[in-house]
Amino acid sequence: MVAVQVDARVSPPPGSAPILTIRLTPKVEGAFAPVDLRVPLMLATAATTTGLEPPGAGRRWWIYGLSQANQAELRKVQDMVRHAQAQPGYQRGGTLVIAMEQRELAVTPPSLDHTRWTTWMQVSRREGFFEIWTGTPREVRELAGTRR
C-alpha cells in the first residue's frame, strides 16, 4: 500500500493514481526472466493505516493499494524468483528497483505548490508504513520532468 499525506485542500484529480514501478534483474543472465512492471494503484476505500500517525489539522491521507489482478501478478513474480532459487547451481543476487510515480496526483493550484507532500509505503500487512519521500507538489512535478 501507499499513503500520501497532503494539505486537506488538495484532492486527487479524477482518474489519477500513483504508479508502482518494479524492475528486477538477475545478477547472472538467464537465472530468471528480468521483470519490468508498471502497476497502477487504486484508491483504497477501507484501508488499514497501521503505522500512520493521524494526519493533523489541515492535512489528510490518500491511501492506495493493488487490485486483485495486480496482487496476483506480483505473486507470479515472487513464485518465479522462488523457483529460480530452488534450481541447482542458482547464483543468488540481482538488482531490485522499486519506484513510485506520483506526477498525476500532484495537480495543485499555485497557492498550494509549496505545501508539504509526504509519501509512505507498506510492503506487508504485518508491518507498518515507512516514509519514502517528503517534498512539495511542485517538487513531485519537477522530479517527473513535468510542468503544470
N, C-alpha and C. Protein backbone atom coordinates (compact mmCIF):
# COMPACT_ATOMS: atom_id res chain seq x y z
N MET A 1 0.84 -1.17 0.00
CA MET A 1 0.00 0.00 0.00
C MET A 1 0.88 1.24 0.00
N VAL A 2 0.32 2.31 -0.48
CA VAL A 2 0.99 3.60 -0.50
C VAL A 2 0.06 4.61 0.16
N ALA A 3 0.62 5.45 1.00
CA ALA A 3 -0.14 6.51 1.65
C ALA A 3 0.53 7.83 1.32
N VAL A 4 -0.26 8.79 0.92
CA VAL A 4 0.25 10.13 0.61
C VAL A 4 -0.45 11.10 1.54
N GLN A 5 0.34 11.86 2.30
CA GLN A 5 -0.26 12.87 3.18
C GLN A 5 -0.11 14.23 2.50
N VAL A 6 -1.23 14.92 2.39
CA VAL A 6 -1.27 16.20 1.67
C VAL A 6 -2.07 17.23 2.47
N ASP A 7 -2.00 18.45 2.01
CA ASP A 7 -2.84 19.52 2.52
C ASP A 7 -4.29 19.13 2.29
N ALA A 8 -5.16 19.37 3.25
CA ALA A 8 -6.56 18.96 3.15
C ALA A 8 -7.30 19.66 2.01
N ARG A 9 -6.76 20.75 1.49
CA ARG A 9 -7.41 21.46 0.38
C ARG A 9 -7.10 20.82 -0.98
N VAL A 10 -6.22 19.84 -1.00
CA VAL A 10 -5.82 19.18 -2.25
C VAL A 10 -6.65 17.91 -2.43
N SER A 11 -7.13 17.68 -3.62
CA SER A 11 -7.86 16.45 -3.96
C SER A 11 -7.16 15.78 -5.13
N PRO A 12 -7.14 14.45 -5.14
CA PRO A 12 -6.52 13.78 -6.29
C PRO A 12 -7.37 14.03 -7.54
N PRO A 13 -6.75 14.33 -8.65
CA PRO A 13 -7.52 14.52 -9.88
C PRO A 13 -8.31 13.25 -10.21
N PRO A 14 -9.52 13.39 -10.76
CA PRO A 14 -10.32 12.21 -11.11
C PRO A 14 -9.54 11.28 -12.04
N GLY A 15 -9.55 10.00 -11.71
CA GLY A 15 -8.88 9.00 -12.55
C GLY A 15 -7.37 8.91 -12.37
N SER A 16 -6.81 9.73 -11.50
CA SER A 16 -5.36 9.69 -11.31
C SER A 16 -4.99 8.63 -10.28
N ALA A 17 -3.79 8.13 -10.39
CA ALA A 17 -3.30 7.14 -9.43
C ALA A 17 -1.78 7.10 -9.52
N PRO A 18 -1.14 6.80 -8.39
CA PRO A 18 0.31 6.60 -8.46
C PRO A 18 0.60 5.29 -9.20
N ILE A 19 1.79 5.22 -9.77
CA ILE A 19 2.22 4.02 -10.49
C ILE A 19 3.39 3.41 -9.73
N LEU A 20 3.26 2.14 -9.39
CA LEU A 20 4.34 1.40 -8.75
C LEU A 20 5.19 0.79 -9.86
N THR A 21 6.47 1.10 -9.86
CA THR A 21 7.40 0.56 -10.86
C THR A 21 8.31 -0.43 -10.17
N ILE A 22 8.41 -1.62 -10.74
CA ILE A 22 9.27 -2.67 -10.19
C ILE A 22 10.15 -3.19 -11.31
N ARG A 23 11.46 -3.13 -11.07
CA ARG A 23 12.43 -3.70 -12.01
C ARG A 23 13.30 -4.69 -11.24
N LEU A 24 13.36 -5.91 -11.73
CA LEU A 24 14.14 -6.97 -11.10
C LEU A 24 15.00 -7.60 -12.17
N THR A 25 16.32 -7.53 -11.98
CA THR A 25 17.26 -8.06 -12.95
C THR A 25 18.18 -9.05 -12.25
N PRO A 26 18.31 -10.27 -12.78
CA PRO A 26 19.20 -11.24 -12.13
C PRO A 26 20.67 -10.85 -12.28
N LYS A 27 21.47 -11.23 -11.30
CA LYS A 27 22.90 -10.97 -11.36
C LYS A 27 23.53 -11.76 -12.51
N VAL A 28 23.06 -12.99 -12.67
CA VAL A 28 23.55 -13.86 -13.74
C VAL A 28 22.45 -13.96 -14.80
N GLU A 29 22.77 -13.51 -16.01
CA GLU A 29 21.78 -13.54 -17.09
C GLU A 29 21.25 -14.96 -17.27
N GLY A 30 19.91 -15.07 -17.37
CA GLY A 30 19.28 -16.36 -17.56
C GLY A 30 18.85 -17.05 -16.28
N ALA A 31 19.27 -16.54 -15.12
CA ALA A 31 18.86 -17.16 -13.86
C ALA A 31 17.34 -17.12 -13.72
N PHE A 32 16.75 -16.03 -14.13
CA PHE A 32 15.30 -15.88 -14.23
C PHE A 32 15.03 -14.74 -15.19
N ALA A 33 13.81 -14.68 -15.67
CA ALA A 33 13.45 -13.63 -16.62
C ALA A 33 13.43 -12.27 -15.91
N PRO A 34 14.07 -11.25 -16.49
CA PRO A 34 14.00 -9.92 -15.87
C PRO A 34 12.55 -9.45 -15.80
N VAL A 35 12.26 -8.64 -14.80
CA VAL A 35 10.91 -8.12 -14.59
C VAL A 35 10.96 -6.60 -14.72
N ASP A 36 10.03 -6.06 -15.47
CA ASP A 36 9.90 -4.61 -15.60
C ASP A 36 8.40 -4.30 -15.62
N LEU A 37 7.85 -3.98 -14.45
CA LEU A 37 6.41 -3.76 -14.31
C LEU A 37 6.10 -2.31 -13.98
N ARG A 38 5.00 -1.81 -14.51
CA ARG A 38 4.42 -0.52 -14.13
C ARG A 38 2.99 -0.83 -13.72
N VAL A 39 2.73 -0.74 -12.43
CA VAL A 39 1.44 -1.17 -11.88
C VAL A 39 0.68 0.03 -11.32
N PRO A 40 -0.46 0.38 -11.92
CA PRO A 40 -1.25 1.47 -11.34
C PRO A 40 -1.89 1.03 -10.04
N LEU A 41 -1.86 1.90 -9.06
CA LEU A 41 -2.51 1.63 -7.79
C LEU A 41 -3.92 2.21 -7.82
N MET A 42 -4.75 1.75 -6.91
CA MET A 42 -6.12 2.26 -6.87
C MET A 42 -6.41 2.82 -5.49
N LEU A 43 -7.22 3.86 -5.46
CA LEU A 43 -7.60 4.49 -4.20
C LEU A 43 -8.33 3.46 -3.36
N ALA A 44 -7.86 3.27 -2.13
CA ALA A 44 -8.46 2.28 -1.23
C ALA A 44 -9.63 2.92 -0.50
N THR A 45 -10.74 2.20 -0.42
CA THR A 45 -11.91 2.76 0.26
C THR A 45 -11.87 2.46 1.75
N ALA A 46 -11.40 1.29 2.13
CA ALA A 46 -11.27 0.93 3.54
C ALA A 46 -9.87 0.38 3.73
N ALA A 47 -9.01 1.18 4.30
CA ALA A 47 -7.61 0.78 4.41
C ALA A 47 -7.14 0.77 5.85
N THR A 48 -6.31 -0.20 6.16
CA THR A 48 -5.66 -0.24 7.46
C THR A 48 -4.52 0.76 7.43
N THR A 49 -4.41 1.56 8.46
CA THR A 49 -3.37 2.57 8.48
C THR A 49 -2.36 2.31 9.59
N THR A 50 -2.06 1.03 9.84
CA THR A 50 -1.07 0.67 10.85
C THR A 50 0.23 1.41 10.57
N GLY A 51 0.70 2.13 11.58
CA GLY A 51 1.96 2.84 11.43
C GLY A 51 1.83 4.27 10.94
N LEU A 52 0.64 4.70 10.59
CA LEU A 52 0.45 6.08 10.14
C LEU A 52 -0.10 6.92 11.29
N GLU A 53 0.55 8.04 11.52
CA GLU A 53 0.05 8.97 12.53
C GLU A 53 -1.22 9.63 12.01
N PRO A 54 -2.11 10.09 12.89
CA PRO A 54 -3.25 10.88 12.42
C PRO A 54 -2.71 12.07 11.61
N PRO A 55 -3.41 12.49 10.57
CA PRO A 55 -2.84 13.49 9.67
C PRO A 55 -2.63 14.88 10.27
N GLY A 56 -3.29 15.21 11.34
CA GLY A 56 -3.11 16.55 11.91
C GLY A 56 -4.03 17.57 11.25
N ALA A 57 -4.12 18.71 11.88
CA ALA A 57 -5.02 19.77 11.39
C ALA A 57 -4.61 20.23 10.00
N GLY A 58 -5.59 20.31 9.12
CA GLY A 58 -5.35 20.81 7.77
C GLY A 58 -4.66 19.84 6.84
N ARG A 59 -4.56 18.56 7.25
CA ARG A 59 -3.89 17.54 6.46
C ARG A 59 -4.84 16.35 6.27
N ARG A 60 -4.54 15.50 5.28
CA ARG A 60 -5.30 14.27 5.12
C ARG A 60 -4.46 13.22 4.40
N TRP A 61 -4.90 11.97 4.53
CA TRP A 61 -4.23 10.85 3.88
C TRP A 61 -4.99 10.43 2.63
N TRP A 62 -4.26 10.09 1.57
CA TRP A 62 -4.80 9.33 0.45
C TRP A 62 -4.13 7.97 0.55
N ILE A 63 -4.91 6.91 0.57
CA ILE A 63 -4.39 5.55 0.70
C ILE A 63 -4.67 4.79 -0.60
N TYR A 64 -3.62 4.17 -1.15
CA TYR A 64 -3.73 3.43 -2.42
C TYR A 64 -3.24 2.00 -2.22
N GLY A 65 -3.84 1.09 -2.97
CA GLY A 65 -3.44 -0.32 -2.91
C GLY A 65 -3.45 -0.96 -4.28
N LEU A 66 -3.11 -2.23 -4.32
CA LEU A 66 -3.08 -3.01 -5.55
C LEU A 66 -4.43 -3.67 -5.79
N SER A 67 -4.82 -3.76 -7.04
CA SER A 67 -6.03 -4.51 -7.38
C SER A 67 -5.74 -5.99 -7.18
N GLN A 68 -6.77 -6.81 -7.14
CA GLN A 68 -6.59 -8.26 -7.00
C GLN A 68 -5.74 -8.80 -8.15
N ALA A 69 -5.98 -8.32 -9.37
CA ALA A 69 -5.22 -8.79 -10.53
C ALA A 69 -3.73 -8.43 -10.40
N ASN A 70 -3.44 -7.22 -9.94
CA ASN A 70 -2.04 -6.82 -9.77
C ASN A 70 -1.37 -7.57 -8.62
N GLN A 71 -2.13 -7.88 -7.57
CA GLN A 71 -1.58 -8.70 -6.49
C GLN A 71 -1.20 -10.08 -7.03
N ALA A 72 -2.06 -10.65 -7.88
CA ALA A 72 -1.77 -11.96 -8.47
C ALA A 72 -0.53 -11.88 -9.36
N GLU A 73 -0.39 -10.81 -10.10
CA GLU A 73 0.78 -10.64 -10.98
C GLU A 73 2.07 -10.57 -10.15
N LEU A 74 2.04 -9.86 -9.03
CA LEU A 74 3.23 -9.78 -8.18
C LEU A 74 3.53 -11.13 -7.51
N ARG A 75 2.49 -11.90 -7.19
CA ARG A 75 2.72 -13.24 -6.64
C ARG A 75 3.41 -14.14 -7.67
N LYS A 76 3.06 -13.99 -8.95
CA LYS A 76 3.71 -14.76 -10.01
C LYS A 76 5.21 -14.42 -10.07
N VAL A 77 5.54 -13.16 -9.91
CA VAL A 77 6.95 -12.75 -9.91
C VAL A 77 7.66 -13.39 -8.73
N GLN A 78 7.04 -13.35 -7.54
CA GLN A 78 7.64 -13.98 -6.37
C GLN A 78 7.84 -15.48 -6.60
N ASP A 79 6.84 -16.13 -7.18
CA ASP A 79 6.94 -17.57 -7.45
C ASP A 79 8.06 -17.86 -8.45
N MET A 80 8.22 -17.02 -9.46
CA MET A 80 9.28 -17.19 -10.46
C MET A 80 10.66 -17.12 -9.79
N VAL A 81 10.84 -16.15 -8.90
CA VAL A 81 12.12 -16.00 -8.21
C VAL A 81 12.36 -17.19 -7.28
N ARG A 82 11.34 -17.61 -6.55
CA ARG A 82 11.48 -18.78 -5.66
C ARG A 82 11.86 -20.03 -6.46
N HIS A 83 11.23 -20.20 -7.61
CA HIS A 83 11.54 -21.35 -8.47
C HIS A 83 13.00 -21.29 -8.93
N ALA A 84 13.45 -20.11 -9.34
CA ALA A 84 14.85 -19.95 -9.78
C ALA A 84 15.80 -20.26 -8.63
N GLN A 85 15.46 -19.82 -7.43
CA GLN A 85 16.33 -20.04 -6.27
C GLN A 85 16.44 -21.53 -5.92
N ALA A 86 15.42 -22.30 -6.25
CA ALA A 86 15.42 -23.72 -5.92
C ALA A 86 16.21 -24.55 -6.95
N GLN A 87 16.62 -23.96 -8.05
CA GLN A 87 17.35 -24.69 -9.08
C GLN A 87 18.79 -24.94 -8.66
N PRO A 88 19.33 -26.14 -8.96
CA PRO A 88 20.73 -26.43 -8.64
C PRO A 88 21.65 -25.42 -9.35
N GLY A 89 22.63 -24.95 -8.63
CA GLY A 89 23.61 -24.02 -9.21
C GLY A 89 23.14 -22.58 -9.30
N TYR A 90 21.95 -22.28 -8.78
CA TYR A 90 21.46 -20.90 -8.85
C TYR A 90 22.42 -19.97 -8.13
N GLN A 91 22.81 -18.90 -8.78
CA GLN A 91 23.66 -17.89 -8.17
C GLN A 91 22.78 -16.74 -7.72
N ARG A 92 22.70 -16.57 -6.42
CA ARG A 92 21.83 -15.55 -5.84
C ARG A 92 22.27 -14.16 -6.25
N GLY A 93 21.33 -13.28 -6.18
CA GLY A 93 21.65 -11.88 -6.37
C GLY A 93 20.99 -11.29 -7.60
N GLY A 94 21.02 -10.01 -7.61
CA GLY A 94 20.44 -9.25 -8.70
C GLY A 94 20.17 -7.85 -8.24
N THR A 95 19.42 -7.14 -9.03
CA THR A 95 19.09 -5.76 -8.73
C THR A 95 17.58 -5.60 -8.67
N LEU A 96 17.11 -4.99 -7.59
CA LEU A 96 15.69 -4.70 -7.43
C LEU A 96 15.53 -3.19 -7.30
N VAL A 97 14.70 -2.62 -8.15
CA VAL A 97 14.38 -1.20 -8.09
C VAL A 97 12.88 -1.07 -7.90
N ILE A 98 12.48 -0.35 -6.85
CA ILE A 98 11.07 -0.07 -6.61
C ILE A 98 10.92 1.44 -6.61
N ALA A 99 10.03 1.95 -7.43
CA ALA A 99 9.82 3.39 -7.52
C ALA A 99 8.33 3.70 -7.52
N MET A 100 8.01 4.91 -7.15
CA MET A 100 6.63 5.36 -7.11
C MET A 100 6.50 6.63 -7.96
N GLU A 101 5.72 6.56 -9.02
CA GLU A 101 5.46 7.73 -9.86
C GLU A 101 4.20 8.41 -9.34
N GLN A 102 4.31 9.69 -9.01
CA GLN A 102 3.20 10.42 -8.40
C GLN A 102 2.76 11.65 -9.19
N ARG A 103 3.37 11.89 -10.34
CA ARG A 103 3.13 13.16 -11.04
C ARG A 103 1.66 13.40 -11.36
N GLU A 104 0.89 12.34 -11.65
CA GLU A 104 -0.53 12.53 -11.96
C GLU A 104 -1.31 13.06 -10.77
N LEU A 105 -0.82 12.78 -9.57
CA LEU A 105 -1.51 13.23 -8.36
C LEU A 105 -1.19 14.68 -8.01
N ALA A 106 -0.02 15.14 -8.41
CA ALA A 106 0.50 16.44 -7.95
C ALA A 106 -0.05 17.61 -8.75
N VAL A 107 -1.35 17.66 -8.90
CA VAL A 107 -2.01 18.77 -9.58
C VAL A 107 -2.61 19.66 -8.51
N THR A 108 -1.99 20.82 -8.33
CA THR A 108 -2.44 21.74 -7.29
C THR A 108 -2.50 23.15 -7.84
N PRO A 109 -3.34 23.99 -7.24
CA PRO A 109 -3.30 25.40 -7.62
C PRO A 109 -1.96 26.00 -7.16
N PRO A 110 -1.49 27.04 -7.82
CA PRO A 110 -0.20 27.64 -7.45
C PRO A 110 -0.08 27.97 -5.96
N SER A 111 -1.18 28.35 -5.33
CA SER A 111 -1.12 28.71 -3.90
C SER A 111 -0.77 27.52 -3.01
N LEU A 112 -0.91 26.28 -3.53
CA LEU A 112 -0.62 25.08 -2.74
C LEU A 112 0.64 24.34 -3.23
N ASP A 113 1.34 24.92 -4.20
CA ASP A 113 2.54 24.28 -4.75
C ASP A 113 3.63 24.05 -3.72
N HIS A 114 3.66 24.83 -2.65
CA HIS A 114 4.74 24.71 -1.67
C HIS A 114 4.28 24.03 -0.38
N THR A 115 3.12 23.39 -0.39
CA THR A 115 2.67 22.67 0.80
C THR A 115 3.41 21.34 0.91
N ARG A 116 3.44 20.79 2.10
CA ARG A 116 4.17 19.53 2.33
C ARG A 116 3.43 18.35 1.73
N TRP A 117 4.19 17.45 1.10
CA TRP A 117 3.69 16.24 0.45
C TRP A 117 4.58 15.11 0.96
N THR A 118 3.99 14.13 1.61
CA THR A 118 4.78 13.03 2.18
C THR A 118 4.22 11.71 1.68
N THR A 119 5.11 10.84 1.20
CA THR A 119 4.70 9.55 0.66
C THR A 119 5.27 8.43 1.53
N TRP A 120 4.39 7.49 1.87
CA TRP A 120 4.74 6.35 2.73
C TRP A 120 4.39 5.07 2.00
N MET A 121 5.09 3.99 2.32
CA MET A 121 4.82 2.69 1.69
C MET A 121 4.72 1.61 2.75
N GLN A 122 3.88 0.62 2.47
CA GLN A 122 3.74 -0.56 3.32
C GLN A 122 3.92 -1.77 2.41
N VAL A 123 4.87 -2.64 2.74
CA VAL A 123 5.13 -3.80 1.89
C VAL A 123 4.50 -5.08 2.43
N SER A 124 4.04 -5.05 3.67
CA SER A 124 3.41 -6.22 4.28
C SER A 124 2.34 -5.75 5.26
N ARG A 125 1.23 -6.44 5.29
CA ARG A 125 0.16 -6.06 6.23
C ARG A 125 0.60 -6.20 7.67
N ARG A 126 1.56 -7.08 7.93
CA ARG A 126 2.06 -7.28 9.29
C ARG A 126 2.95 -6.13 9.74
N GLU A 127 3.44 -5.36 8.80
CA GLU A 127 4.34 -4.26 9.13
C GLU A 127 3.61 -2.94 8.89
N GLY A 128 4.12 -1.91 9.50
CA GLY A 128 3.53 -0.60 9.30
C GLY A 128 4.08 0.08 8.06
N PHE A 129 3.73 1.32 7.91
CA PHE A 129 4.21 2.13 6.80
C PHE A 129 5.57 2.72 7.14
N PHE A 130 6.37 2.99 6.12
CA PHE A 130 7.62 3.72 6.30
C PHE A 130 7.68 4.84 5.26
N GLU A 131 8.29 5.93 5.64
CA GLU A 131 8.34 7.11 4.77
C GLU A 131 9.36 6.88 3.65
N ILE A 132 8.94 7.19 2.41
CA ILE A 132 9.86 7.04 1.28
C ILE A 132 10.22 8.37 0.63
N TRP A 133 9.41 9.41 0.85
CA TRP A 133 9.74 10.70 0.23
C TRP A 133 8.95 11.82 0.90
N THR A 134 9.59 12.98 1.03
CA THR A 134 8.93 14.19 1.50
C THR A 134 9.37 15.36 0.63
N GLY A 135 8.43 16.17 0.25
CA GLY A 135 8.72 17.35 -0.57
C GLY A 135 7.47 18.19 -0.71
N THR A 136 7.30 18.75 -1.90
CA THR A 136 6.12 19.57 -2.21
C THR A 136 5.53 19.08 -3.53
N PRO A 137 4.27 19.46 -3.82
CA PRO A 137 3.71 19.09 -5.13
C PRO A 137 4.58 19.61 -6.29
N ARG A 138 5.13 20.79 -6.13
CA ARG A 138 6.00 21.34 -7.18
C ARG A 138 7.21 20.42 -7.40
N GLU A 139 7.80 19.93 -6.31
CA GLU A 139 8.97 19.04 -6.43
C GLU A 139 8.60 17.70 -7.07
N VAL A 140 7.40 17.21 -6.78
CA VAL A 140 6.95 15.97 -7.42
C VAL A 140 6.96 16.17 -8.93
N ARG A 141 6.38 17.28 -9.38
CA ARG A 141 6.33 17.54 -10.83
C ARG A 141 7.73 17.76 -11.41
N GLU A 142 8.59 18.49 -10.69
CA GLU A 142 9.93 18.72 -11.19
C GLU A 142 10.72 17.42 -11.32
N LEU A 143 10.60 16.54 -10.34
CA LEU A 143 11.30 15.26 -10.40
C LEU A 143 10.79 14.42 -11.56
N ALA A 144 9.51 14.56 -11.89
CA ALA A 144 8.93 13.81 -13.00
C ALA A 144 9.20 14.48 -14.35
N GLY A 145 9.78 15.69 -14.30
CA GLY A 145 10.08 16.39 -15.54
C GLY A 145 8.86 16.99 -16.21
N THR A 146 7.83 17.28 -15.42
CA THR A 146 6.62 17.86 -15.99
C THR A 146 6.33 19.21 -15.36
N ARG A 147 5.63 19.98 -16.06
CA ARG A 147 5.15 21.28 -15.57
C ARG A 147 3.64 21.19 -15.47
N ARG A 148 3.05 22.27 -15.04
CA ARG A 148 1.60 22.32 -14.94
C ARG A 148 0.92 21.94 -16.20
